[in-house]
Amino acid sequence: MGIQKIIGILLIVLGGLGLAYGGFTYTKETHEADLGPLHMEVKDKERVNVPVWAGVAGLVVGGLLLATGKKSA
């Protein structure tokens, strides 16, 4: 399996996930403190939105990579 085919499949999967979920969430540690035996930390949840055009572009480019990869194989 060529690298072009792998990238095409990866773009299709990521584009589909971007369209299905619209983004992803991650947790970021912002502050941490140790006061003797007491340990405190603050974690913030951040959300990254994936634009619809980016998901569609991933699907289209991935499909094009797979289509052109079949001709050369």
PDB file of N, CA and C in Angstrom:
ATOM      1  N   MET A   1       0.860  -1.176   0.000  1.00  0.00           N
ATOM      2  CA  MET A   1       0.000   0.000   0.000  1.00  0.00           C
ATOM      3  C   MET A   1       0.903   1.236   0.000  1.00  0.00           C
ATOM      4  N   GLY A   2       0.695   2.114  -0.944  1.00  0.00           N
ATOM      5  CA  GLY A   2       1.530   3.297  -1.090  1.00  0.00           C
ATOM      6  C   GLY A   2       1.193   4.378  -0.077  1.00  0.00           C
ATOM      7  N   ILE A   3       2.133   5.292   0.100  1.00  0.00           N
ATOM      8  CA  ILE A   3       1.953   6.390   1.043  1.00  0.00           C
ATOM      9  C   ILE A   3       0.796   7.294   0.620  1.00  0.00           C
ATOM     10  N   GLN A   4       0.594   7.452  -0.681  1.00  0.00           N
ATOM     11  CA  GLN A   4      -0.502   8.288  -1.187  1.00  0.00           C
ATOM     12  C   GLN A   4      -1.849   7.696  -0.779  1.00  0.00           C
ATOM     13  N   LYS A   5      -1.972   6.387  -0.839  1.00  0.00           N
ATOM     14  CA  LYS A   5      -3.214   5.716  -0.471  1.00  0.00           C
ATOM     15  C   LYS A   5      -3.466   5.841   1.036  1.00  0.00           C
ATOM     16  N   ILE A   6      -2.408   5.708   1.832  1.00  0.00           N
ATOM     17  CA  ILE A   6      -2.542   5.819   3.293  1.00  0.00           C
ATOM     18  C   ILE A   6      -2.974   7.232   3.676  1.00  0.00           C
ATOM     19  N   ILE A   7      -2.361   8.235   3.069  1.00  0.00           N
ATOM     20  CA  ILE A   7      -2.730   9.626   3.359  1.00  0.00           C
ATOM     21  C   ILE A   7      -4.173   9.898   2.918  1.00  0.00           C
ATOM     22  N   GLY A   8      -4.569   9.345   1.770  1.00  0.00           N
ATOM     23  CA  GLY A   8      -5.940   9.519   1.301  1.00  0.00           C
ATOM     24  C   GLY A   8      -6.955   8.933   2.266  1.00  0.00           C
ATOM     25  N   ILE A   9      -6.684   7.727   2.753  1.00  0.00           N
ATOM     26  CA  ILE A   9      -7.592   7.082   3.710  1.00  0.00           C
ATOM     27  C   ILE A   9      -7.633   7.881   5.011  1.00  0.00           C
ATOM     28  N   LEU A  10      -6.475   8.349   5.469  1.00  0.00           N
ATOM     29  CA  LEU A  10      -6.403   9.128   6.702  1.00  0.00           C
ATOM     30  C   LEU A  10      -7.190  10.431   6.572  1.00  0.00           C
ATOM     31  N   LEU A  11      -7.069  11.108   5.439  1.00  0.00           N
ATOM     32  CA  LEU A  11      -7.821  12.345   5.228  1.00  0.00           C
ATOM     33  C   LEU A  11      -9.324  12.096   5.188  1.00  0.00           C
ATOM     34  N   ILE A  12      -9.736  11.006   4.574  1.00  0.00           N
ATOM     35  CA  ILE A  12     -11.167  10.676   4.531  1.00  0.00           C
ATOM     36  C   ILE A  12     -11.706  10.402   5.931  1.00  0.00           C
ATOM     37  N   VAL A  13     -10.950   9.647   6.710  1.00  0.00           N
ATOM     38  CA  VAL A  13     -11.386   9.331   8.081  1.00  0.00           C
ATOM     39  C   VAL A  13     -11.445  10.599   8.933  1.00  0.00           C
ATOM     40  N   LEU A  14     -10.388  11.423   8.874  1.00  0.00           N
ATOM     41  CA  LEU A  14     -10.376  12.645   9.673  1.00  0.00           C
ATOM     42  C   LEU A  14     -11.449  13.639   9.210  1.00  0.00           C
ATOM     43  N   GLY A  15     -11.662  13.747   7.904  1.00  0.00           N
ATOM     44  CA  GLY A  15     -12.714  14.624   7.398  1.00  0.00           C
ATOM     45  C   GLY A  15     -14.092  14.168   7.850  1.00  0.00           C
ATOM     46  N   GLY A  16     -14.330  12.860   7.817  1.00  0.00           N
ATOM     47  CA  GLY A  16     -15.609  12.326   8.289  1.00  0.00           C
ATOM     48  C   GLY A  16     -15.814  12.554   9.772  1.00  0.00           C
ATOM     49  N   LEU A  17     -14.757  12.352  10.563  1.00  0.00           N
ATOM     50  CA  LEU A  17     -14.865  12.603  12.007  1.00  0.00           C
ATOM     51  C   LEU A  17     -15.093  14.083  12.299  1.00  0.00           C
ATOM     52  N   GLY A  18     -14.426  14.951  11.525  1.00  0.00           N
ATOM     53  CA  GLY A  18     -14.627  16.386  11.701  1.00  0.00           C
ATOM     54  C   GLY A  18     -16.056  16.801  11.415  1.00  0.00           C
ATOM     55  N   LEU A  19     -16.642  16.207  10.388  1.00  0.00           N
ATOM     56  CA  LEU A  19     -18.038  16.524  10.073  1.00  0.00           C
ATOM     57  C   LEU A  19     -18.998  15.920  11.090  1.00  0.00           C
ATOM     58  N   ALA A  20     -18.697  14.719  11.566  1.00  0.00           N
ATOM     59  CA  ALA A  20     -19.603  14.046  12.496  1.00  0.00           C
ATOM     60  C   ALA A  20     -19.604  14.699  13.878  1.00  0.00           C
ATOM     61  N   TYR A  21     -18.418  15.044  14.386  1.00  0.00           N
ATOM     62  CA  TYR A  21     -18.333  15.563  15.752  1.00  0.00           C
ATOM     63  C   TYR A  21     -18.203  17.078  15.828  1.00  0.00           C
ATOM     64  N   GLY A  22     -17.731  17.717  14.782  1.00  0.00           N
ATOM     65  CA  GLY A  22     -17.624  19.161  14.771  1.00  0.00           C
ATOM     66  C   GLY A  22     -16.479  19.723  15.582  1.00  0.00           C
ATOM     67  N   GLY A  23     -15.663  18.884  16.180  1.00  0.00           N
ATOM     68  CA  GLY A  23     -14.531  19.359  16.971  1.00  0.00           C
ATOM     69  C   GLY A  23     -14.128  18.331  18.002  1.00  0.00           C
ATOM     70  N   PHE A  24     -13.199  18.730  18.867  1.00  0.00           N
ATOM     71  CA  PHE A  24     -12.753  17.832  19.935  1.00  0.00           C
ATOM     72  C   PHE A  24     -12.425  18.641  21.185  1.00  0.00           C
ATOM     73  N   THR A  25     -12.412  17.957  22.320  1.00  0.00           N
ATOM     74  CA  THR A  25     -12.167  18.574  23.609  1.00  0.00           C
ATOM     75  C   THR A  25     -10.910  17.974  24.221  1.00  0.00           C
ATOM     76  N   TYR A  26     -10.116  18.816  24.869  1.00  0.00           N
ATOM     77  CA  TYR A  26      -8.948  18.332  25.596  1.00  0.00           C
ATOM     78  C   TYR A  26      -8.854  19.061  26.930  1.00  0.00           C
ATOM     79  N   THR A  27      -8.113  18.477  27.876  1.00  0.00           N
ATOM     80  CA  THR A  27      -7.953  19.044  29.204  1.00  0.00           C
ATOM     81  C   THR A  27      -6.553  19.608  29.352  1.00  0.00           C
ATOM     82  N   LYS A  28      -6.466  20.841  29.874  1.00  0.00           N
ATOM     83  CA  LYS A  28      -5.189  21.519  30.030  1.00  0.00           C
ATOM     84  C   LYS A  28      -5.009  21.881  31.505  1.00  0.00           C
ATOM     85  N   GLU A  29      -3.852  21.496  32.079  1.00  0.00           N
ATOM     86  CA  GLU A  29      -3.559  21.895  33.449  1.00  0.00           C
ATOM     87  C   GLU A  29      -3.084  23.338  33.437  1.00  0.00           C
ATOM     88  N   THR A  30      -3.690  24.174  34.289  1.00  0.00           N
ATOM     89  CA  THR A  30      -3.315  25.577  34.290  1.00  0.00           C
ATOM     90  C   THR A  30      -2.527  25.956  35.543  1.00  0.00           C
ATOM     91  N   HIS A  31      -2.928  25.476  36.704  1.00  0.00           N
ATOM     92  CA  HIS A  31      -2.245  25.839  37.944  1.00  0.00           C
ATOM     93  C   HIS A  31      -2.069  24.594  38.807  1.00  0.00           C
ATOM     94  N   GLU A  32      -0.981  24.580  39.545  1.00  0.00           N
ATOM     95  CA  GLU A  32      -0.709  23.468  40.445  1.00  0.00           C
ATOM     96  C   GLU A  32      -0.036  24.032  41.685  1.00  0.00           C
ATOM     97  N   ALA A  33      -0.421  23.519  42.871  1.00  0.00           N
ATOM     98  CA  ALA A  33       0.169  24.009  44.119  1.00  0.00           C
ATOM     99  C   ALA A  33       0.291  22.858  45.113  1.00  0.00           C
ATOM    100  N   ASP A  34       1.399  22.850  45.838  1.00  0.00           N
ATOM    101  CA  ASP A  34       1.614  21.890  46.924  1.00  0.00           C
ATOM    102  C   ASP A  34       1.759  22.677  48.217  1.00  0.00           C
ATOM    103  N   LEU A  35       0.847  22.448  49.124  1.00  0.00           N
ATOM    104  CA  LEU A  35       0.898  23.097  50.431  1.00  0.00           C
ATOM    105  C   LEU A  35       1.019  22.007  51.486  1.00  0.00           C
ATOM    106  N   GLY A  36       2.254  21.598  51.765  1.00  0.00           N
ATOM    107  CA  GLY A  36       2.483  20.502  52.697  1.00  0.00           C
ATOM    108  C   GLY A  36       1.924  19.216  52.115  1.00  0.00           C
ATOM    109  N   PRO A  37       1.081  18.522  52.862  1.00  0.00           N
ATOM    110  CA  PRO A  37       0.514  17.271  52.342  1.00  0.00           C
ATOM    111  C   PRO A  37      -0.647  17.495  51.362  1.00  0.00           C
ATOM    112  N   LEU A  38      -1.048  18.733  51.182  1.00  0.00           N
ATOM    113  CA  LEU A  38      -2.184  19.052  50.332  1.00  0.00           C
ATOM    114  C   LEU A  38      -1.706  19.389  48.918  1.00  0.00           C
ATOM    115  N   HIS A  39      -2.265  18.699  47.935  1.00  0.00           N
ATOM    116  CA  HIS A  39      -1.907  18.935  46.536  1.00  0.00           C
ATOM    117  C   HIS A  39      -3.150  19.428  45.800  1.00  0.00           C
ATOM    118  N   MET A  40      -3.032  20.597  45.164  1.00  0.00           N
ATOM    119  CA  MET A  40      -4.165  21.160  44.430  1.00  0.00           C
ATOM    120  C   MET A  40      -3.742  21.453  42.991  1.00  0.00           C
ATOM    121  N   GLU A  41      -4.682  21.226  42.065  1.00  0.00           N
ATOM    122  CA  GLU A  41      -4.422  21.565  40.671  1.00  0.00           C
ATOM    123  C   GLU A  41      -5.728  21.984  40.009  1.00  0.00           C
ATOM    124  N   VAL A  42      -5.603  22.859  39.046  1.00  0.00           N
ATOM    125  CA  VAL A  42      -6.750  23.354  38.295  1.00  0.00           C
ATOM    126  C   VAL A  42      -6.601  22.875  36.865  1.00  0.00           C
ATOM    127  N   LYS A  43      -7.658  22.253  36.342  1.00  0.00           N
ATOM    128  CA  LYS A  43      -7.659  21.775  34.965  1.00  0.00           C
ATOM    129  C   LYS A  43      -8.804  22.447  34.219  1.00  0.00           C
ATOM    130  N   ASP A  44      -8.484  22.968  33.053  1.00  0.00           N
ATOM    131  CA  ASP A  44      -9.494  23.605  32.207  1.00  0.00           C
ATOM    132  C   ASP A  44      -9.769  22.727  31.000  1.00  0.00           C
ATOM    133  N   LYS A  45     -11.050  22.606  30.655  1.00  0.00           N
ATOM    134  CA  LYS A  45     -11.416  21.888  29.437  1.00  0.00           C
ATOM    135  C   LYS A  45     -11.491  22.894  28.300  1.00  0.00           C
ATOM    136  N   GLU A  46     -10.809  22.584  27.229  1.00  0.00           N
ATOM    137  CA  GLU A  46     -10.798  23.439  26.049  1.00  0.00           C
ATOM    138  C   GLU A  46     -11.462  22.694  24.892  1.00  0.00           C
ATOM    139  N   ARG A  47     -12.172  23.415  24.052  1.00  0.00           N
ATOM    140  CA  ARG A  47     -12.830  22.816  22.880  1.00  0.00           C
ATOM    141  C   ARG A  47     -12.280  23.457  21.617  1.00  0.00           C
ATOM    142  N   VAL A  48     -11.916  22.617  20.660  1.00  0.00           N
ATOM    143  CA  VAL A  48     -11.445  23.069  19.359  1.00  0.00           C
ATOM    144  C   VAL A  48     -12.505  22.690  18.329  1.00  0.00           C
ATOM    145  N   ASN A  49     -13.057  23.690  17.673  1.00  0.00           N
ATOM    146  CA  ASN A  49     -14.077  23.445  16.651  1.00  0.00           C
ATOM    147  C   ASN A  49     -13.410  23.235  15.296  1.00  0.00           C
ATOM    148  N   VAL A  50     -13.879  22.227  14.573  1.00  0.00           N
ATOM    149  CA  VAL A  50     -13.393  21.962  13.219  1.00  0.00           C
ATOM    150  C   VAL A  50     -14.429  22.526  12.249  1.00  0.00           C
ATOM    151  N   PRO A  51     -14.022  23.469  11.392  1.00  0.00           N
ATOM    152  CA  PRO A  51     -14.986  24.049  10.453  1.00  0.00           C
ATOM    153  C   PRO A  51     -15.509  22.994   9.465  1.00  0.00           C
ATOM    154  N   VAL A  52     -16.733  23.204   9.006  1.00  0.00           N
ATOM    155  CA  VAL A  52     -17.351  22.272   8.068  1.00  0.00           C
ATOM    156  C   VAL A  52     -16.529  22.187   6.787  1.00  0.00           C
ATOM    157  N   TRP A  53     -16.016  23.334   6.321  1.00  0.00           N
ATOM    158  CA  TRP A  53     -15.246  23.331   5.074  1.00  0.00           C
ATOM    159  C   TRP A  53     -13.989  22.475   5.199  1.00  0.00           C
ATOM    160  N   ALA A  54     -13.401  22.401   6.404  1.00  0.00           N
ATOM    161  CA  ALA A  54     -12.200  21.592   6.588  1.00  0.00           C
ATOM    162  C   ALA A  54     -12.534  20.099   6.494  1.00  0.00           C
ATOM    163  N   GLY A  55     -13.675  19.704   7.048  1.00  0.00           N
ATOM    164  CA  GLY A  55     -14.102  18.310   6.945  1.00  0.00           C
ATOM    165  C   GLY A  55     -14.409  17.918   5.506  1.00  0.00           C
ATOM    166  N   VAL A  56     -15.098  18.796   4.800  1.00  0.00           N
ATOM    167  CA  VAL A  56     -15.427  18.516   3.395  1.00  0.00           C
ATOM    168  C   VAL A  56     -14.151  18.478   2.556  1.00  0.00           C
ATOM    169  N   ALA A  57     -13.224  19.400   2.818  1.00  0.00           N
ATOM    170  CA  ALA A  57     -11.962  19.423   2.072  1.00  0.00           C
ATOM    171  C   ALA A  57     -11.160  18.141   2.316  1.00  0.00           C
ATOM    172  N   GLY A  58     -11.161  17.641   3.554  1.00  0.00           N
ATOM    173  CA  GLY A  58     -10.475  16.383   3.848  1.00  0.00           C
ATOM    174  C   GLY A  58     -11.067  15.221   3.077  1.00  0.00           C
ATOM    175  N   LEU A  59     -12.385  15.182   3.002  1.00  0.00           N
ATOM    176  CA  LEU A  59     -13.043  14.114   2.244  1.00  0.00           C
ATOM    177  C   LEU A  59     -12.719  14.200   0.757  1.00  0.00           C
ATOM    178  N   VAL A  60     -12.770  15.420   0.203  1.00  0.00           N
ATOM    179  CA  VAL A  60     -12.539  15.599  -1.233  1.00  0.00           C
ATOM    180  C   VAL A  60     -11.086  15.291  -1.593  1.00  0.00           C
ATOM    181  N   VAL A  61     -10.145  15.848  -0.837  1.00  0.00           N
ATOM    182  CA  VAL A  61      -8.726  15.620  -1.137  1.00  0.00           C
ATOM    183  C   VAL A  61      -8.363  14.158  -0.927  1.00  0.00           C
ATOM    184  N   GLY A  62      -8.887  13.554   0.126  1.00  0.00           N
ATOM    185  CA  GLY A  62      -8.637  12.128   0.348  1.00  0.00           C
ATOM    186  C   GLY A  62      -9.186  11.279  -0.781  1.00  0.00           C
ATOM    187  N   GLY A  63     -10.376  11.605  -1.257  1.00  0.00           N
ATOM    188  CA  GLY A  63     -10.954  10.872  -2.380  1.00  0.00           C
ATOM    189  C   GLY A  63     -10.141  11.043  -3.651  1.00  0.00           C
ATOM    190  N   LEU A  64      -9.661  12.263  -3.878  1.00  0.00           N
ATOM    191  CA  LEU A  64      -8.822  12.502  -5.054  1.00  0.00           C
ATOM    192  C   LEU A  64      -7.506  11.726  -4.976  1.00  0.00           C
ATOM    193  N   LEU A  65      -6.915  11.680  -3.793  1.00  0.00           N
ATOM    194  CA  LEU A  65      -5.672  10.913  -3.625  1.00  0.00           C
ATOM    195  C   LEU A  65      -5.898   9.428  -3.888  1.00  0.00           C
ATOM    196  N   LEU A  66      -7.023   8.904  -3.418  1.00  0.00           N
ATOM    197  CA  LEU A  66      -7.313   7.499  -3.666  1.00  0.00           C
ATOM    198  C   LEU A  66      -7.613   7.243  -5.141  1.00  0.00           C
ATOM    199  N   ALA A  67      -8.302   8.183  -5.782  1.00  0.00           N
ATOM    200  CA  ALA A  67      -8.653   8.002  -7.198  1.00  0.00           C
ATOM    201  C   ALA A  67      -7.415   8.051  -8.087  1.00  0.00           C
ATOM    202  N   THR A  68      -6.504   8.977  -7.802  1.00  0.00           N
ATOM    203  CA  THR A  68      -5.294   9.070  -8.627  1.00  0.00           C
ATOM    204  C   THR A  68      -4.307   7.965  -8.274  1.00  0.00           C
ATOM    205  N   GLY A  69      -4.392   7.454  -7.064  1.00  0.00           N
ATOM    206  CA  GLY A  69      -3.501   6.355  -6.671  1.00  0.00           C
ATOM    207  C   GLY A  69      -3.837   5.063  -7.376  1.00  0.00           C
ATOM    208  N   LYS A  70      -5.094   4.852  -7.726  1.00  0.00           N
ATOM    209  CA  LYS A  70      -5.515   3.628  -8.423  1.00  0.00           C
ATOM    210  C   LYS A  70      -5.012   3.612  -9.868  1.00  0.00           C
ATOM    211  N   LYS A  71      -4.928   4.800 -10.491  1.00  0.00           N
ATOM    212  CA  LYS A  71      -4.471   4.871 -11.872  1.00  0.00           C
ATOM    213  C   LYS A  71      -2.994   4.498 -12.008  1.00  0.00           C
ATOM    214  N   SER A  72      -2.184   4.937 -11.011  1.00  0.00           N
ATOM    215  CA  SER A  72      -0.749   4.702 -11.120  1.00  0.00           C
ATOM    216  C   SER A  72      -0.341   3.318 -10.632  1.00  0.00           C
ATOM    217  N   ALA A  73      -1.215   2.623  -9.925  1.00  0.00           N
ATOM    218  CA  ALA A  73      -0.848   1.313  -9.366  1.00  0.00           C
ATOM    219  C   ALA A  73      -0.982   0.201 -10.371  1.00  0.00           C
TER     220      ALA A  73
END
